[in-house]
Amino acid sequence: TFRESVFGTNLDLRLGTDRGATQNITARVPAGVNDGAKIRVKGKGAPGEAGPGDLFILLHVKPHPIFSRKAENLLVTLPITFTEAALGADVKVPVMSGEEVTVRIAPGTPNGRTLRVKGRGITKGSHTGDLLVTVDVQVPQRVDGKALEALKSFAEATAGEDVRAELAAKAKQ
């Protein structure tokens, strides 16, 4: 699993031999391994003239529902509300250990902005990566009542701003 690749685990395997017998072995998967990594277990491979060879295990890491990785950095997409993006907020984000860290969303944070939480990524050897939190601003599907009136007032108050003013000029470059 993704969690086992982050923290490491032991794999209990049953190997079949060419004579029909089976052998149980345990292989150690170190913390921080990547999908496609190979683990070598000395002396547990096929028999040869110089004794048994080595067994190589190719690892396939199942994707995690919310986390992914880039090198030792742990990546997560954080849904936030329009008001949290516009006004700013302190938002709790889960980390692989099961804890939560608080991320400060600055006022005016745009959709797609990536925030870094140092030292909360994947540990591999003596290096620990960072948690990279990408903001995903959620637009309400339905707005009515006071929220609708507030948005209409906001639209009137910001009517002079043209967010696409330079778009046509940049398109011609």
N, C-alpha and C. Protein backbone atom coordinates (compact mmCIF):
# COMPACT_ATOMS: atom_id res chain seq x y z
N THR A 1 0.84 -1.19 0.00
CA THR A 1 0.00 0.00 0.00
C THR A 1 0.89 1.25 0.00
N PHE A 2 0.28 2.38 -0.27
CA PHE A 2 1.01 3.65 -0.26
C PHE A 2 1.59 3.90 1.13
N ARG A 3 0.78 3.66 2.17
CA ARG A 3 1.23 3.88 3.55
C ARG A 3 2.45 3.00 3.88
N GLU A 4 2.42 1.74 3.45
CA GLU A 4 3.56 0.85 3.71
C GLU A 4 4.81 1.32 2.96
N SER A 5 4.63 1.89 1.77
CA SER A 5 5.79 2.39 1.04
C SER A 5 6.39 3.61 1.73
N VAL A 6 5.58 4.37 2.42
CA VAL A 6 6.07 5.56 3.13
C VAL A 6 6.78 5.17 4.42
N PHE A 7 6.19 4.28 5.20
CA PHE A 7 6.73 3.95 6.52
C PHE A 7 7.57 2.68 6.55
N GLY A 8 7.51 1.85 5.50
CA GLY A 8 8.23 0.58 5.48
C GLY A 8 7.37 -0.51 6.09
N THR A 9 7.69 -1.75 5.75
CA THR A 9 6.93 -2.89 6.25
C THR A 9 7.72 -4.17 6.03
N ASN A 10 7.21 -5.26 6.53
CA ASN A 10 7.74 -6.59 6.24
C ASN A 10 6.73 -7.33 5.38
N LEU A 11 7.21 -7.96 4.31
CA LEU A 11 6.35 -8.77 3.46
C LEU A 11 6.55 -10.23 3.81
N ASP A 12 5.49 -10.93 4.13
CA ASP A 12 5.56 -12.37 4.35
C ASP A 12 5.17 -13.04 3.05
N LEU A 13 6.10 -13.81 2.49
CA LEU A 13 5.91 -14.42 1.18
C LEU A 13 6.03 -15.93 1.27
N ARG A 14 5.28 -16.62 0.43
CA ARG A 14 5.40 -18.07 0.30
C ARG A 14 5.92 -18.34 -1.10
N LEU A 15 7.09 -18.96 -1.17
CA LEU A 15 7.72 -19.24 -2.46
C LEU A 15 7.56 -20.71 -2.82
N GLY A 16 7.24 -20.95 -4.07
CA GLY A 16 7.18 -22.32 -4.57
C GLY A 16 8.52 -22.70 -5.19
N THR A 17 8.93 -23.95 -5.01
CA THR A 17 10.17 -24.42 -5.63
C THR A 17 9.83 -25.27 -6.83
N ASP A 18 10.87 -25.58 -7.62
CA ASP A 18 10.64 -26.41 -8.81
C ASP A 18 10.27 -27.84 -8.45
N ARG A 19 10.46 -28.23 -7.19
CA ARG A 19 10.09 -29.59 -6.75
C ARG A 19 8.70 -29.64 -6.14
N GLY A 20 7.99 -28.51 -6.17
CA GLY A 20 6.63 -28.48 -5.64
C GLY A 20 6.53 -28.10 -4.17
N ALA A 21 7.65 -27.97 -3.49
CA ALA A 21 7.64 -27.58 -2.08
C ALA A 21 7.44 -26.06 -1.97
N THR A 22 7.11 -25.61 -0.78
CA THR A 22 6.98 -24.17 -0.55
C THR A 22 7.89 -23.75 0.59
N GLN A 23 8.24 -22.50 0.58
CA GLN A 23 9.11 -21.95 1.61
C GLN A 23 8.57 -20.57 1.99
N ASN A 24 8.45 -20.30 3.27
CA ASN A 24 8.00 -18.99 3.75
C ASN A 24 9.22 -18.12 4.04
N ILE A 25 9.18 -16.88 3.55
CA ILE A 25 10.25 -15.94 3.84
C ILE A 25 9.64 -14.59 4.20
N THR A 26 10.44 -13.76 4.85
CA THR A 26 10.04 -12.39 5.15
C THR A 26 11.03 -11.46 4.48
N ALA A 27 10.50 -10.50 3.72
CA ALA A 27 11.35 -9.51 3.05
C ALA A 27 11.05 -8.14 3.65
N ARG A 28 12.09 -7.39 3.95
CA ARG A 28 11.93 -6.05 4.53
C ARG A 28 11.80 -5.02 3.41
N VAL A 29 10.71 -4.25 3.46
CA VAL A 29 10.51 -3.13 2.54
C VAL A 29 10.90 -1.87 3.31
N PRO A 30 11.97 -1.19 2.89
CA PRO A 30 12.40 0.00 3.64
C PRO A 30 11.45 1.18 3.46
N ALA A 31 11.45 2.08 4.41
CA ALA A 31 10.62 3.29 4.33
C ALA A 31 11.06 4.14 3.14
N GLY A 32 10.08 4.73 2.48
CA GLY A 32 10.38 5.67 1.40
C GLY A 32 10.57 5.06 0.03
N VAL A 33 10.23 3.78 -0.16
CA VAL A 33 10.43 3.16 -1.48
C VAL A 33 9.42 3.70 -2.49
N ASN A 34 9.83 3.68 -3.75
CA ASN A 34 8.98 4.14 -4.84
C ASN A 34 8.30 2.97 -5.54
N ASP A 35 7.24 3.28 -6.26
CA ASP A 35 6.61 2.30 -7.13
C ASP A 35 7.65 1.85 -8.16
N GLY A 36 7.76 0.54 -8.38
CA GLY A 36 8.72 0.01 -9.34
C GLY A 36 10.08 -0.31 -8.74
N ALA A 37 10.25 -0.10 -7.43
CA ALA A 37 11.52 -0.41 -6.78
C ALA A 37 11.71 -1.92 -6.71
N LYS A 38 12.97 -2.35 -6.69
CA LYS A 38 13.29 -3.77 -6.56
C LYS A 38 13.95 -3.99 -5.21
N ILE A 39 13.53 -5.07 -4.55
CA ILE A 39 14.13 -5.46 -3.28
C ILE A 39 14.85 -6.78 -3.52
N ARG A 40 16.07 -6.87 -3.02
CA ARG A 40 16.89 -8.07 -3.19
C ARG A 40 16.92 -8.86 -1.89
N VAL A 41 16.61 -10.16 -1.99
CA VAL A 41 16.69 -11.06 -0.84
C VAL A 41 17.77 -12.09 -1.17
N LYS A 42 18.91 -11.97 -0.52
CA LYS A 42 20.06 -12.83 -0.84
C LYS A 42 19.79 -14.29 -0.51
N GLY A 43 20.20 -15.15 -1.42
CA GLY A 43 20.16 -16.59 -1.20
C GLY A 43 18.79 -17.23 -1.27
N LYS A 44 17.78 -16.51 -1.73
CA LYS A 44 16.42 -17.07 -1.78
C LYS A 44 15.93 -17.24 -3.22
N GLY A 45 16.83 -17.13 -4.18
CA GLY A 45 16.45 -17.30 -5.58
C GLY A 45 16.57 -18.75 -6.03
N ALA A 46 16.61 -18.93 -7.33
CA ALA A 46 16.69 -20.28 -7.91
C ALA A 46 18.06 -20.90 -7.62
N PRO A 47 18.09 -22.24 -7.46
CA PRO A 47 19.37 -22.91 -7.22
C PRO A 47 20.26 -22.85 -8.46
N GLY A 48 21.56 -22.77 -8.22
CA GLY A 48 22.53 -22.76 -9.32
C GLY A 48 23.76 -23.54 -8.91
N GLU A 49 24.76 -23.55 -9.79
CA GLU A 49 26.00 -24.30 -9.51
C GLU A 49 26.71 -23.78 -8.26
N ALA A 50 26.64 -22.48 -8.04
CA ALA A 50 27.32 -21.88 -6.89
C ALA A 50 26.37 -21.70 -5.71
N GLY A 51 25.26 -22.43 -5.71
CA GLY A 51 24.28 -22.30 -4.63
C GLY A 51 23.10 -21.48 -5.09
N PRO A 52 22.18 -21.21 -4.18
CA PRO A 52 20.98 -20.46 -4.59
C PRO A 52 21.32 -19.02 -4.95
N GLY A 53 20.60 -18.52 -5.92
CA GLY A 53 20.78 -17.13 -6.33
C GLY A 53 19.97 -16.20 -5.44
N ASP A 54 19.87 -14.98 -5.86
CA ASP A 54 19.12 -13.98 -5.09
C ASP A 54 17.72 -13.83 -5.67
N LEU A 55 16.78 -13.53 -4.80
CA LEU A 55 15.40 -13.27 -5.20
C LEU A 55 15.22 -11.76 -5.31
N PHE A 56 14.65 -11.32 -6.43
CA PHE A 56 14.35 -9.90 -6.62
C PHE A 56 12.84 -9.73 -6.62
N ILE A 57 12.37 -8.80 -5.80
CA ILE A 57 10.94 -8.53 -5.68
C ILE A 57 10.68 -7.15 -6.27
N LEU A 58 9.81 -7.09 -7.27
CA LEU A 58 9.43 -5.83 -7.88
C LEU A 58 8.19 -5.31 -7.16
N LEU A 59 8.28 -4.10 -6.63
CA LEU A 59 7.18 -3.54 -5.83
C LEU A 59 6.23 -2.71 -6.69
N HIS A 60 4.95 -2.91 -6.46
CA HIS A 60 3.93 -2.05 -7.05
C HIS A 60 3.19 -1.40 -5.89
N VAL A 61 3.22 -0.07 -5.84
CA VAL A 61 2.59 0.67 -4.74
C VAL A 61 1.20 1.10 -5.18
N LYS A 62 0.19 0.69 -4.40
CA LYS A 62 -1.18 1.09 -4.70
C LYS A 62 -1.34 2.59 -4.44
N PRO A 63 -2.07 3.29 -5.31
CA PRO A 63 -2.29 4.72 -5.09
C PRO A 63 -3.08 4.97 -3.81
N HIS A 64 -2.85 6.11 -3.20
CA HIS A 64 -3.57 6.52 -2.00
C HIS A 64 -4.77 7.37 -2.42
N PRO A 65 -5.87 7.35 -1.68
CA PRO A 65 -7.05 8.14 -2.06
C PRO A 65 -6.80 9.65 -2.11
N ILE A 66 -5.91 10.19 -1.25
CA ILE A 66 -5.70 11.64 -1.28
C ILE A 66 -4.25 12.06 -1.44
N PHE A 67 -3.31 11.20 -1.10
CA PHE A 67 -1.90 11.56 -1.18
C PHE A 67 -1.25 10.99 -2.43
N SER A 68 -0.26 11.71 -2.94
CA SER A 68 0.63 11.18 -3.96
C SER A 68 2.03 11.67 -3.58
N ARG A 69 3.02 11.31 -4.38
CA ARG A 69 4.37 11.72 -4.03
C ARG A 69 5.14 12.17 -5.25
N LYS A 70 6.10 13.03 -4.99
CA LYS A 70 7.07 13.46 -6.00
C LYS A 70 8.40 13.48 -5.26
N ALA A 71 9.24 12.49 -5.57
CA ALA A 71 10.47 12.26 -4.81
C ALA A 71 10.09 12.04 -3.34
N GLU A 72 10.65 12.80 -2.42
CA GLU A 72 10.30 12.64 -1.00
C GLU A 72 9.21 13.60 -0.56
N ASN A 73 8.68 14.37 -1.47
CA ASN A 73 7.59 15.29 -1.12
C ASN A 73 6.26 14.58 -1.21
N LEU A 74 5.42 14.84 -0.25
CA LEU A 74 4.06 14.29 -0.19
C LEU A 74 3.12 15.36 -0.72
N LEU A 75 2.24 15.00 -1.66
CA LEU A 75 1.35 15.96 -2.29
C LEU A 75 -0.10 15.68 -1.90
N VAL A 76 -0.85 16.74 -1.64
CA VAL A 76 -2.27 16.61 -1.32
C VAL A 76 -3.00 17.83 -1.89
N THR A 77 -4.21 17.60 -2.36
CA THR A 77 -5.06 18.70 -2.83
C THR A 77 -6.05 19.02 -1.72
N LEU A 78 -6.12 20.32 -1.37
CA LEU A 78 -6.95 20.77 -0.25
C LEU A 78 -8.14 21.57 -0.77
N PRO A 79 -9.37 21.05 -0.65
CA PRO A 79 -10.53 21.84 -1.02
C PRO A 79 -10.76 22.95 0.00
N ILE A 80 -10.95 24.18 -0.49
CA ILE A 80 -11.30 25.29 0.40
C ILE A 80 -12.48 26.04 -0.21
N THR A 81 -13.16 26.80 0.62
CA THR A 81 -14.31 27.56 0.14
C THR A 81 -13.84 28.86 -0.51
N PHE A 82 -14.74 29.46 -1.29
CA PHE A 82 -14.47 30.76 -1.91
C PHE A 82 -14.12 31.80 -0.85
N THR A 83 -14.87 31.80 0.25
CA THR A 83 -14.61 32.80 1.30
C THR A 83 -13.27 32.56 1.99
N GLU A 84 -12.88 31.30 2.19
CA GLU A 84 -11.56 31.02 2.77
C GLU A 84 -10.46 31.54 1.85
N ALA A 85 -10.64 31.37 0.53
CA ALA A 85 -9.64 31.85 -0.42
C ALA A 85 -9.60 33.38 -0.45
N ALA A 86 -10.75 34.01 -0.42
CA ALA A 86 -10.81 35.47 -0.52
C ALA A 86 -10.38 36.16 0.77
N LEU A 87 -10.84 35.65 1.90
CA LEU A 87 -10.61 36.32 3.18
C LEU A 87 -9.42 35.77 3.96
N GLY A 88 -8.97 34.56 3.61
CA GLY A 88 -7.91 33.90 4.35
C GLY A 88 -8.49 33.04 5.46
N ALA A 89 -7.74 32.03 5.87
CA ALA A 89 -8.21 31.12 6.92
C ALA A 89 -7.06 30.24 7.38
N ASP A 90 -7.22 29.66 8.55
CA ASP A 90 -6.34 28.59 9.02
C ASP A 90 -7.11 27.30 8.84
N VAL A 91 -6.54 26.37 8.06
CA VAL A 91 -7.25 25.14 7.70
C VAL A 91 -6.41 23.94 8.11
N LYS A 92 -7.07 22.92 8.67
CA LYS A 92 -6.38 21.70 9.07
C LYS A 92 -6.24 20.76 7.87
N VAL A 93 -5.04 20.17 7.74
CA VAL A 93 -4.73 19.26 6.64
C VAL A 93 -4.22 17.96 7.24
N PRO A 94 -4.75 16.79 6.82
CA PRO A 94 -4.25 15.52 7.35
C PRO A 94 -2.86 15.22 6.78
N VAL A 95 -2.05 14.52 7.58
CA VAL A 95 -0.75 14.03 7.13
C VAL A 95 -0.73 12.52 7.29
N MET A 96 0.27 11.86 6.70
CA MET A 96 0.31 10.39 6.67
C MET A 96 0.35 9.76 8.06
N SER A 97 0.89 10.45 9.04
CA SER A 97 0.99 9.88 10.39
C SER A 97 -0.37 9.78 11.08
N GLY A 98 -1.41 10.39 10.48
CA GLY A 98 -2.73 10.40 11.10
C GLY A 98 -3.01 11.70 11.83
N GLU A 99 -1.99 12.52 12.01
CA GLU A 99 -2.17 13.82 12.65
C GLU A 99 -2.71 14.82 11.64
N GLU A 100 -2.91 16.03 12.11
CA GLU A 100 -3.28 17.13 11.23
C GLU A 100 -2.32 18.29 11.47
N VAL A 101 -2.02 19.02 10.40
CA VAL A 101 -1.24 20.25 10.52
C VAL A 101 -2.14 21.40 10.09
N THR A 102 -1.87 22.57 10.62
CA THR A 102 -2.65 23.75 10.25
C THR A 102 -1.90 24.53 9.19
N VAL A 103 -2.60 24.82 8.10
CA VAL A 103 -2.03 25.60 7.00
C VAL A 103 -2.74 26.94 6.97
N ARG A 104 -1.96 28.01 6.85
CA ARG A 104 -2.54 29.35 6.77
C ARG A 104 -2.79 29.70 5.31
N ILE A 105 -4.06 29.94 4.99
CA ILE A 105 -4.46 30.39 3.66
C ILE A 105 -4.46 31.91 3.71
N ALA A 106 -3.60 32.55 2.92
CA ALA A 106 -3.52 34.01 2.92
C ALA A 106 -4.73 34.59 2.19
N PRO A 107 -5.17 35.78 2.59
CA PRO A 107 -6.27 36.42 1.86
C PRO A 107 -5.91 36.59 0.38
N GLY A 108 -6.85 36.28 -0.49
CA GLY A 108 -6.62 36.41 -1.93
C GLY A 108 -5.88 35.24 -2.55
N THR A 109 -5.84 34.11 -1.88
CA THR A 109 -5.14 32.94 -2.42
C THR A 109 -5.86 32.42 -3.65
N PRO A 110 -5.16 32.29 -4.78
CA PRO A 110 -5.82 31.81 -6.00
C PRO A 110 -5.93 30.29 -6.03
N ASN A 111 -6.85 29.81 -6.83
CA ASN A 111 -6.99 28.37 -7.07
C ASN A 111 -5.68 27.85 -7.66
N GLY A 112 -5.24 26.68 -7.20
CA GLY A 112 -4.03 26.07 -7.74
C GLY A 112 -2.75 26.46 -7.02
N ARG A 113 -2.79 27.41 -6.09
CA ARG A 113 -1.59 27.81 -5.34
C ARG A 113 -1.12 26.62 -4.51
N THR A 114 0.20 26.40 -4.49
CA THR A 114 0.77 25.32 -3.70
C THR A 114 1.49 25.90 -2.49
N LEU A 115 1.15 25.37 -1.32
CA LEU A 115 1.75 25.79 -0.05
C LEU A 115 2.65 24.67 0.45
N ARG A 116 3.77 25.03 1.06
CA ARG A 116 4.75 24.05 1.53
C ARG A 116 4.75 23.97 3.05
N VAL A 117 4.67 22.73 3.57
CA VAL A 117 4.83 22.49 5.01
C VAL A 117 6.12 21.70 5.16
N LYS A 118 7.17 22.36 5.61
CA LYS A 118 8.50 21.74 5.67
C LYS A 118 8.54 20.55 6.63
N GLY A 119 9.25 19.50 6.18
CA GLY A 119 9.51 18.36 7.03
C GLY A 119 8.35 17.43 7.29
N ARG A 120 7.24 17.56 6.56
CA ARG A 120 6.09 16.68 6.78
C ARG A 120 5.85 15.75 5.60
N GLY A 121 6.91 15.52 4.81
CA GLY A 121 6.81 14.61 3.68
C GLY A 121 7.30 13.22 4.04
N ILE A 122 7.96 12.57 3.09
CA ILE A 122 8.42 11.19 3.23
C ILE A 122 9.88 11.19 3.66
N THR A 123 10.20 10.36 4.66
CA THR A 123 11.58 10.21 5.11
C THR A 123 12.22 9.05 4.36
N LYS A 124 13.34 9.34 3.72
CA LYS A 124 14.11 8.31 3.01
C LYS A 124 15.56 8.52 3.40
N GLY A 125 16.10 7.57 4.16
CA GLY A 125 17.45 7.76 4.69
C GLY A 125 17.44 8.87 5.71
N SER A 126 18.34 9.84 5.54
CA SER A 126 18.42 10.94 6.50
C SER A 126 17.67 12.18 6.02
N HIS A 127 17.01 12.09 4.88
CA HIS A 127 16.30 13.26 4.31
C HIS A 127 14.80 13.09 4.44
N THR A 128 14.12 14.15 4.85
CA THR A 128 12.66 14.17 4.90
C THR A 128 12.15 15.25 3.97
N GLY A 129 11.22 14.89 3.12
CA GLY A 129 10.63 15.84 2.18
C GLY A 129 9.59 16.72 2.86
N ASP A 130 8.89 17.47 2.04
CA ASP A 130 7.89 18.41 2.52
C ASP A 130 6.49 17.96 2.12
N LEU A 131 5.49 18.49 2.79
CA LEU A 131 4.10 18.31 2.39
C LEU A 131 3.75 19.48 1.49
N LEU A 132 3.34 19.19 0.25
CA LEU A 132 2.95 20.22 -0.70
C LEU A 132 1.44 20.20 -0.83
N VAL A 133 0.82 21.28 -0.39
CA VAL A 133 -0.64 21.38 -0.33
C VAL A 133 -1.11 22.29 -1.47
N THR A 134 -1.85 21.73 -2.42
CA THR A 134 -2.37 22.51 -3.54
C THR A 134 -3.81 22.88 -3.25
N VAL A 135 -4.08 24.18 -3.28
CA VAL A 135 -5.41 24.70 -2.96
C VAL A 135 -6.37 24.49 -4.13
N ASP A 136 -7.56 23.98 -3.82
CA ASP A 136 -8.62 23.78 -4.82
C ASP A 136 -9.86 24.53 -4.33
N VAL A 137 -10.06 25.73 -4.89
CA VAL A 137 -11.19 26.57 -4.46
C VAL A 137 -12.48 25.97 -4.99
N GLN A 138 -13.40 25.66 -4.08
CA GLN A 138 -14.69 25.06 -4.43
C GLN A 138 -15.73 26.17 -4.61
N VAL A 139 -16.33 26.19 -5.78
CA VAL A 139 -17.37 27.17 -6.07
C VAL A 139 -18.71 26.53 -5.73
N PRO A 140 -19.57 27.22 -4.97
CA PRO A 140 -20.85 26.62 -4.60
C PRO A 140 -21.70 26.28 -5.83
N GLN A 141 -22.34 25.13 -5.81
CA GLN A 141 -23.21 24.70 -6.91
C GLN A 141 -24.51 25.48 -6.92
N ARG A 142 -24.95 25.89 -5.73
CA ARG A 142 -26.23 26.59 -5.61
C ARG A 142 -26.06 27.71 -4.59
N VAL A 143 -26.50 28.90 -4.96
CA VAL A 143 -26.41 30.04 -4.05
C VAL A 143 -27.79 30.69 -3.97
N ASP A 144 -28.27 30.88 -2.75
CA ASP A 144 -29.56 31.55 -2.58
C ASP A 144 -29.59 32.32 -1.27
N GLY A 145 -30.64 33.06 -1.06
CA GLY A 145 -30.83 33.78 0.20
C GLY A 145 -29.78 34.85 0.43
N LYS A 146 -29.30 34.88 1.68
CA LYS A 146 -28.32 35.89 2.08
C LYS A 146 -27.02 35.77 1.29
N ALA A 147 -26.62 34.55 0.98
CA ALA A 147 -25.38 34.36 0.22
C ALA A 147 -25.50 34.96 -1.17
N LEU A 148 -26.64 34.79 -1.81
CA LEU A 148 -26.87 35.36 -3.14
C LEU A 148 -26.82 36.89 -3.08
N GLU A 149 -27.47 37.46 -2.10
CA GLU A 149 -27.47 38.92 -1.95
C GLU A 149 -26.05 39.44 -1.68
N ALA A 150 -25.30 38.72 -0.86
CA ALA A 150 -23.93 39.13 -0.56
C ALA A 150 -23.06 39.07 -1.81
N LEU A 151 -23.24 38.05 -2.63
CA LEU A 151 -22.46 37.94 -3.86
C LEU A 151 -22.84 39.03 -4.86
N LYS A 152 -24.11 39.36 -4.94
CA LYS A 152 -24.54 40.45 -5.83
C LYS A 152 -23.93 41.77 -5.37
N SER A 153 -23.90 42.01 -4.07
CA SER A 153 -23.28 43.22 -3.54
C SER A 153 -21.78 43.23 -3.84
N PHE A 154 -21.15 42.08 -3.71
CA PHE A 154 -19.73 41.96 -4.02
C PHE A 154 -19.48 42.26 -5.49
N ALA A 155 -20.31 41.72 -6.37
CA ALA A 155 -20.17 41.96 -7.81
C ALA A 155 -20.30 43.45 -8.13
N GLU A 156 -21.24 44.11 -7.50
CA GLU A 156 -21.41 45.56 -7.72
C GLU A 156 -20.20 46.34 -7.21
N ALA A 157 -19.68 45.94 -6.05
CA ALA A 157 -18.55 46.65 -5.45
C ALA A 157 -17.27 46.47 -6.26
N THR A 158 -17.16 45.38 -6.99
CA THR A 158 -15.94 45.12 -7.77
C THR A 158 -16.17 45.24 -9.27
N ALA A 159 -17.25 45.87 -9.67
CA ALA A 159 -17.61 45.97 -11.10
C ALA A 159 -16.55 46.69 -11.92
N GLY A 160 -15.76 47.56 -11.33
CA GLY A 160 -14.74 48.30 -12.07
C GLY A 160 -13.49 47.50 -12.38
N GLU A 161 -13.34 46.34 -11.78
CA GLU A 161 -12.16 45.51 -12.02
C GLU A 161 -12.38 44.64 -13.25
N ASP A 162 -11.41 44.68 -14.19
CA ASP A 162 -11.49 43.81 -15.37
C ASP A 162 -10.36 42.80 -15.28
N VAL A 163 -10.67 41.60 -14.83
CA VAL A 163 -9.65 40.57 -14.63
C VAL A 163 -9.10 40.04 -15.95
N ARG A 164 -9.77 40.35 -17.06
CA ARG A 164 -9.33 39.88 -18.38
C ARG A 164 -8.79 41.02 -19.24
N ALA A 165 -8.45 42.14 -18.63
CA ALA A 165 -8.04 43.34 -19.37
C ALA A 165 -6.85 43.08 -20.29
N GLU A 166 -5.87 42.33 -19.86
CA GLU A 166 -4.66 42.12 -20.66
C GLU A 166 -4.70 40.83 -21.46
N LEU A 167 -5.77 40.10 -21.40
CA LEU A 167 -5.84 38.79 -22.04
C LEU A 167 -5.68 38.88 -23.56
N ALA A 168 -6.43 39.76 -24.21
CA ALA A 168 -6.37 39.88 -25.67
C ALA A 168 -4.99 40.33 -26.13
N ALA A 169 -4.38 41.28 -25.42
CA ALA A 169 -3.05 41.76 -25.79
C ALA A 169 -2.01 40.65 -25.65
N LYS A 170 -2.10 39.87 -24.59
CA LYS A 170 -1.15 38.78 -24.39
C LYS A 170 -1.34 37.68 -25.43
N ALA A 171 -2.58 37.49 -25.89
CA ALA A 171 -2.86 36.45 -26.89
C ALA A 171 -2.18 36.78 -28.22
N LYS A 172 -1.97 38.06 -28.51
CA LYS A 172 -1.37 38.48 -29.78
C LYS A 172 0.15 38.43 -29.77
N GLN A 173 0.75 38.19 -28.64
CA GLN A 173 2.23 38.15 -28.55
C GLN A 173 2.80 36.93 -29.21
